[in-house]
Amino acid sequence: MKGKVIVDLYPGKGALGGIYTGLANTDSFYSLVVGCDMPLLNRDLLCYLSDLAPGFDAVVPRIDGMYEPLHAVYSKGCLTPISELMKQGRLGISKLFNLINTRFVDKEEVARFDPQFLSFFNVNTLADMKKIRELIRQIDSGLIVGRECSSHD
């Protein structure tokens, strides 16, 4: 599989600019957006988020009131609101959610697929790296098996 490197259309606009660039450069109406520092993604949870997407501009996990915007599904319907936010210098992704039709996936729903919420574990430090190595040792290999996602193009 060959990847494609795309430079941000609006450099210096953080993750919001990255989401915009990704949405603007895909042929798909919906895009799954995940952080590059999240090594324990759960396929079943990602499929669930994708399956919920039709009819919404974004599908975003929300755990104990905290959003997980870099583990979410966004539609091309977000392009104009994101552009407006960037023009205003408002770069927090969560500001987008009040401007679009957002489906939040709360803790109880997420727990059906990822009861330890490992999908949201970020690796940013050496201590995180040590912890992730230990978590990987403890993960039951059966958790890797997932179901097929539906197509929503």
C-alpha atoms as a PDB file:
ATOM      1  CA  MET A   1       0.000   0.000   0.000  1.00  0.00           C
ATOM      2  CA  LYS A   2       1.403   3.354  -1.010  1.00  0.00           C
ATOM      3  CA  GLY A   3       0.748   6.463   1.042  1.00  0.00           C
ATOM      4  CA  LYS A   4       0.365  10.032  -0.093  1.00  0.00           C
ATOM      5  CA  VAL A   5       1.958  12.943   1.749  1.00  0.00           C
ATOM      6  CA  ILE A   6      -0.150  16.091   1.711  1.00  0.00           C
ATOM      7  CA  VAL A   7       1.133  19.409   3.020  1.00  0.00           C
ATOM      8  CA  ASP A   8      -1.288  21.455   5.131  1.00  0.00           C
ATOM      9  CA  LEU A   9      -3.271  23.874   2.995  1.00  0.00           C
ATOM     10  CA  TYR A  10      -3.184  26.309   5.924  1.00  0.00           C
ATOM     11  CA  PRO A  11       0.152  25.867   7.739  1.00  0.00           C
ATOM     12  CA  GLY A  12       0.256  26.798  11.404  1.00  0.00           C
ATOM     13  CA  LYS A  13      -3.430  26.072  12.005  1.00  0.00           C
ATOM     14  CA  GLY A  14      -2.789  23.001  14.130  1.00  0.00           C
ATOM     15  CA  ALA A  15      -4.945  19.898  14.116  1.00  0.00           C
ATOM     16  CA  LEU A  16      -7.941  21.832  12.799  1.00  0.00           C
ATOM     17  CA  GLY A  17      -5.921  22.783   9.718  1.00  0.00           C
ATOM     18  CA  GLY A  18      -4.848  19.164   9.333  1.00  0.00           C
ATOM     19  CA  ILE A  19      -8.436  17.948   9.430  1.00  0.00           C
ATOM     20  CA  TYR A  20      -9.361  20.564   6.835  1.00  0.00           C
ATOM     21  CA  THR A  21      -6.506  19.502   4.566  1.00  0.00           C
ATOM     22  CA  GLY A  22      -7.433  15.839   4.840  1.00  0.00           C
ATOM     23  CA  LEU A  23     -11.100  16.457   4.098  1.00  0.00           C
ATOM     24  CA  ALA A  24     -10.260  18.717   1.165  1.00  0.00           C
ATOM     25  CA  ASN A  25      -7.958  16.098  -0.366  1.00  0.00           C
ATOM     26  CA  THR A  26     -10.092  12.977  -0.154  1.00  0.00           C
ATOM     27  CA  ASP A  27     -12.665  11.643  -2.567  1.00  0.00           C
ATOM     28  CA  SER A  28     -14.674  10.190   0.332  1.00  0.00           C
ATOM     29  CA  PHE A  29     -17.470  12.189   1.909  1.00  0.00           C
ATOM     30  CA  TYR A  30     -16.567  10.845   5.377  1.00  0.00           C
ATOM     31  CA  SER A  31     -13.067  10.577   6.814  1.00  0.00           C
ATOM     32  CA  LEU A  32     -11.884   8.809   9.918  1.00  0.00           C
ATOM     33  CA  VAL A  33      -9.394  11.068  11.709  1.00  0.00           C
ATOM     34  CA  VAL A  34      -7.030   9.613  14.311  1.00  0.00           C
ATOM     35  CA  GLY A  35      -3.936  10.968  16.010  1.00  0.00           C
ATOM     36  CA  CYS A  36      -0.603   9.521  14.950  1.00  0.00           C
ATOM     37  CA  ASP A  37       0.262   9.021  18.631  1.00  0.00           C
ATOM     38  CA  MET A  38      -2.608   6.584  19.321  1.00  0.00           C
ATOM     39  CA  PRO A  39      -1.175   3.064  18.858  1.00  0.00           C
ATOM     40  CA  LEU A  40      -4.030   1.058  20.384  1.00  0.00           C
ATOM     41  CA  LEU A  41      -6.868   1.852  18.021  1.00  0.00           C
ATOM     42  CA  ASN A  42      -9.811  -0.518  18.289  1.00  0.00           C
ATOM     43  CA  ARG A  43     -11.124  -1.598  14.908  1.00  0.00           C
ATOM     44  CA  ASP A  44     -14.624  -2.398  16.189  1.00  0.00           C
ATOM     45  CA  LEU A  45     -14.932   1.044  17.763  1.00  0.00           C
ATOM     46  CA  LEU A  46     -13.692   2.740  14.594  1.00  0.00           C
ATOM     47  CA  CYS A  47     -16.219   0.761  12.545  1.00  0.00           C
ATOM     48  CA  TYR A  48     -18.968   1.739  14.977  1.00  0.00           C
ATOM     49  CA  LEU A  49     -18.104   5.432  14.636  1.00  0.00           C
ATOM     50  CA  SER A  50     -18.073   5.096  10.852  1.00  0.00           C
ATOM     51  CA  ASP A  51     -21.408   3.274  10.865  1.00  0.00           C
ATOM     52  CA  LEU A  52     -22.987   6.135  12.841  1.00  0.00           C
ATOM     53  CA  ALA A  53     -21.768   8.829  10.440  1.00  0.00           C
ATOM     54  CA  PRO A  54     -24.588   9.001   7.853  1.00  0.00           C
ATOM     55  CA  GLY A  55     -26.787  11.960   8.704  1.00  0.00           C
ATOM     56  CA  PHE A  56     -24.118  13.712  10.779  1.00  0.00           C
ATOM     57  CA  ASP A  57     -21.258  16.078  10.005  1.00  0.00           C
ATOM     58  CA  ALA A  58     -19.094  14.534  12.725  1.00  0.00           C
ATOM     59  CA  VAL A  59     -19.129  11.571  15.096  1.00  0.00           C
ATOM     60  CA  VAL A  60     -16.986  12.243  18.162  1.00  0.00           C
ATOM     61  CA  PRO A  61     -16.317  10.183  21.294  1.00  0.00           C
ATOM     62  CA  ARG A  62     -16.957  12.048  24.553  1.00  0.00           C
ATOM     63  CA  ILE A  63     -15.602  10.461  27.725  1.00  0.00           C
ATOM     64  CA  ASP A  64     -16.609  12.071  31.023  1.00  0.00           C
ATOM     65  CA  GLY A  65     -17.312  15.348  29.221  1.00  0.00           C
ATOM     66  CA  MET A  66     -13.965  15.355  27.394  1.00  0.00           C
ATOM     67  CA  TYR A  67     -14.006  15.202  23.599  1.00  0.00           C
ATOM     68  CA  GLU A  68     -11.726  12.913  21.585  1.00  0.00           C
ATOM     69  CA  PRO A  69     -11.611  14.982  18.367  1.00  0.00           C
ATOM     70  CA  LEU A  70      -8.594  13.140  16.981  1.00  0.00           C
ATOM     71  CA  HIS A  71     -10.432   9.829  17.157  1.00  0.00           C
ATOM     72  CA  ALA A  72     -13.515  10.825  15.200  1.00  0.00           C
ATOM     73  CA  VAL A  73     -15.296  10.818  11.863  1.00  0.00           C
ATOM     74  CA  TYR A  74     -15.719  14.070   9.922  1.00  0.00           C
ATOM     75  CA  SER A  75     -17.617  14.791   6.718  1.00  0.00           C
ATOM     76  CA  LYS A  76     -16.894  17.199   3.903  1.00  0.00           C
ATOM     77  CA  GLY A  77     -19.767  19.210   5.397  1.00  0.00           C
ATOM     78  CA  CYS A  78     -17.215  20.407   7.966  1.00  0.00           C
ATOM     79  CA  LEU A  79     -15.029  22.190   5.391  1.00  0.00           C
ATOM     80  CA  THR A  80     -16.844  25.544   5.392  1.00  0.00           C
ATOM     81  CA  PRO A  81     -17.262  25.773   9.203  1.00  0.00           C
ATOM     82  CA  ILE A  82     -13.611  24.797   9.709  1.00  0.00           C
ATOM     83  CA  SER A  83     -12.526  27.430   7.187  1.00  0.00           C
ATOM     84  CA  GLU A  84     -14.542  30.074   9.037  1.00  0.00           C
ATOM     85  CA  LEU A  85     -13.041  29.077  12.390  1.00  0.00           C
ATOM     86  CA  MET A  86      -9.506  29.266  10.977  1.00  0.00           C
ATOM     87  CA  LYS A  87     -10.200  32.719   9.481  1.00  0.00           C
ATOM     88  CA  GLN A  88     -11.278  33.844  12.949  1.00  0.00           C
ATOM     89  CA  GLY A  89      -8.168  32.340  14.544  1.00  0.00           C
ATOM     90  CA  ARG A  90     -10.328  29.954  16.580  1.00  0.00           C
ATOM     91  CA  LEU A  91      -8.306  26.755  16.259  1.00  0.00           C
ATOM     92  CA  GLY A  92      -9.823  24.587  18.986  1.00  0.00           C
ATOM     93  CA  ILE A  93     -11.473  21.615  17.324  1.00  0.00           C
ATOM     94  CA  SER A  94     -14.236  21.511  19.936  1.00  0.00           C
ATOM     95  CA  LYS A  95     -15.457  24.931  18.738  1.00  0.00           C
ATOM     96  CA  LEU A  96     -16.524  23.190  15.535  1.00  0.00           C
ATOM     97  CA  PHE A  97     -19.022  20.921  17.285  1.00  0.00           C
ATOM     98  CA  ASN A  98     -21.519  23.733  18.000  1.00  0.00           C
ATOM     99  CA  LEU A  99     -21.488  24.760  14.324  1.00  0.00           C
ATOM    100  CA  ILE A 100     -22.259  21.369  12.795  1.00  0.00           C
ATOM    101  CA  ASN A 101     -24.539  18.373  13.308  1.00  0.00           C
ATOM    102  CA  THR A 102     -22.422  16.348  15.728  1.00  0.00           C
ATOM    103  CA  ARG A 103     -23.196  12.897  17.080  1.00  0.00           C
ATOM    104  CA  PHE A 104     -21.406  12.390  20.376  1.00  0.00           C
ATOM    105  CA  VAL A 105     -20.541   8.850  21.399  1.00  0.00           C
ATOM    106  CA  ASP A 106     -20.546   8.748  25.165  1.00  0.00           C
ATOM    107  CA  LYS A 107     -18.566   6.604  27.562  1.00  0.00           C
ATOM    108  CA  GLU A 108     -21.126   3.796  27.801  1.00  0.00           C
ATOM    109  CA  GLU A 109     -21.201   3.324  24.028  1.00  0.00           C
ATOM    110  CA  VAL A 110     -17.406   3.387  23.740  1.00  0.00           C
ATOM    111  CA  ALA A 111     -17.076   0.897  26.601  1.00  0.00           C
ATOM    112  CA  ARG A 112     -19.015  -1.717  24.601  1.00  0.00           C
ATOM    113  CA  PHE A 113     -16.026  -1.892  22.240  1.00  0.00           C
ATOM    114  CA  ASP A 114     -13.121  -0.641  24.350  1.00  0.00           C
ATOM    115  CA  PRO A 115     -13.916  -1.051  28.071  1.00  0.00           C
ATOM    116  CA  GLN A 116     -10.462   0.138  29.149  1.00  0.00           C
ATOM    117  CA  PHE A 117     -10.549   3.110  26.726  1.00  0.00           C
ATOM    118  CA  LEU A 118      -7.133   2.120  25.392  1.00  0.00           C
ATOM    119  CA  SER A 119      -8.010   3.619  21.993  1.00  0.00           C
ATOM    120  CA  PHE A 120      -7.435   7.063  23.453  1.00  0.00           C
ATOM    121  CA  PHE A 121      -4.023   6.357  24.999  1.00  0.00           C
ATOM    122  CA  ASN A 122      -1.475   8.798  23.547  1.00  0.00           C
ATOM    123  CA  VAL A 123       2.256   8.132  23.393  1.00  0.00           C
ATOM    124  CA  ASN A 124       4.078  11.433  23.826  1.00  0.00           C
ATOM    125  CA  THR A 125       6.886  10.700  26.287  1.00  0.00           C
ATOM    126  CA  LEU A 126       9.361   7.951  27.131  1.00  0.00           C
ATOM    127  CA  ALA A 127       7.209   7.083  30.147  1.00  0.00           C
ATOM    128  CA  ASP A 128       4.208   6.694  27.821  1.00  0.00           C
ATOM    129  CA  MET A 129       6.299   4.451  25.585  1.00  0.00           C
ATOM    130  CA  LYS A 130       7.177   2.205  28.533  1.00  0.00           C
ATOM    131  CA  LYS A 131       3.538   2.034  29.553  1.00  0.00           C
ATOM    132  CA  ILE A 132       2.381   1.191  26.022  1.00  0.00           C
ATOM    133  CA  ARG A 133       4.909  -1.644  25.785  1.00  0.00           C
ATOM    134  CA  GLU A 134       3.470  -3.124  28.975  1.00  0.00           C
ATOM    135  CA  LEU A 135      -0.113  -2.656  27.756  1.00  0.00           C
ATOM    136  CA  ILE A 136       0.703  -4.379  24.482  1.00  0.00           C
ATOM    137  CA  ARG A 137       2.070  -7.356  26.399  1.00  0.00           C
ATOM    138  CA  GLN A 138      -1.214  -7.575  28.318  1.00  0.00           C
ATOM    139  CA  ILE A 139      -3.603  -7.278  25.374  1.00  0.00           C
ATOM    140  CA  ASP A 140      -5.389 -10.452  24.460  1.00  0.00           C
ATOM    141  CA  SER A 141      -4.757 -11.194  20.788  1.00  0.00           C
ATOM    142  CA  GLY A 142      -8.485 -11.812  20.339  1.00  0.00           C
ATOM    143  CA  LEU A 143      -9.119  -8.077  20.652  1.00  0.00           C
ATOM    144  CA  ILE A 144      -7.475  -7.512  17.282  1.00  0.00           C
ATOM    145  CA  VAL A 145     -10.183  -9.440  15.416  1.00  0.00           C
ATOM    146  CA  GLY A 146     -12.852  -7.032  14.215  1.00  0.00           C
ATOM    147  CA  ARG A 147     -15.850  -6.839  11.982  1.00  0.00           C
ATOM    148  CA  GLU A 148     -16.118  -5.336   8.532  1.00  0.00           C
ATOM    149  CA  CYS A 149     -17.143  -1.692   8.367  1.00  0.00           C
ATOM    150  CA  SER A 150     -20.104  -0.668   6.234  1.00  0.00           C
ATOM    151  CA  SER A 151     -19.368   1.640   3.323  1.00  0.00           C
ATOM    152  CA  HIS A 152     -20.829   5.144   3.475  1.00  0.00           C
ATOM    153  CA  ASP A 153     -19.656   6.879   0.315  1.00  0.00           C
END
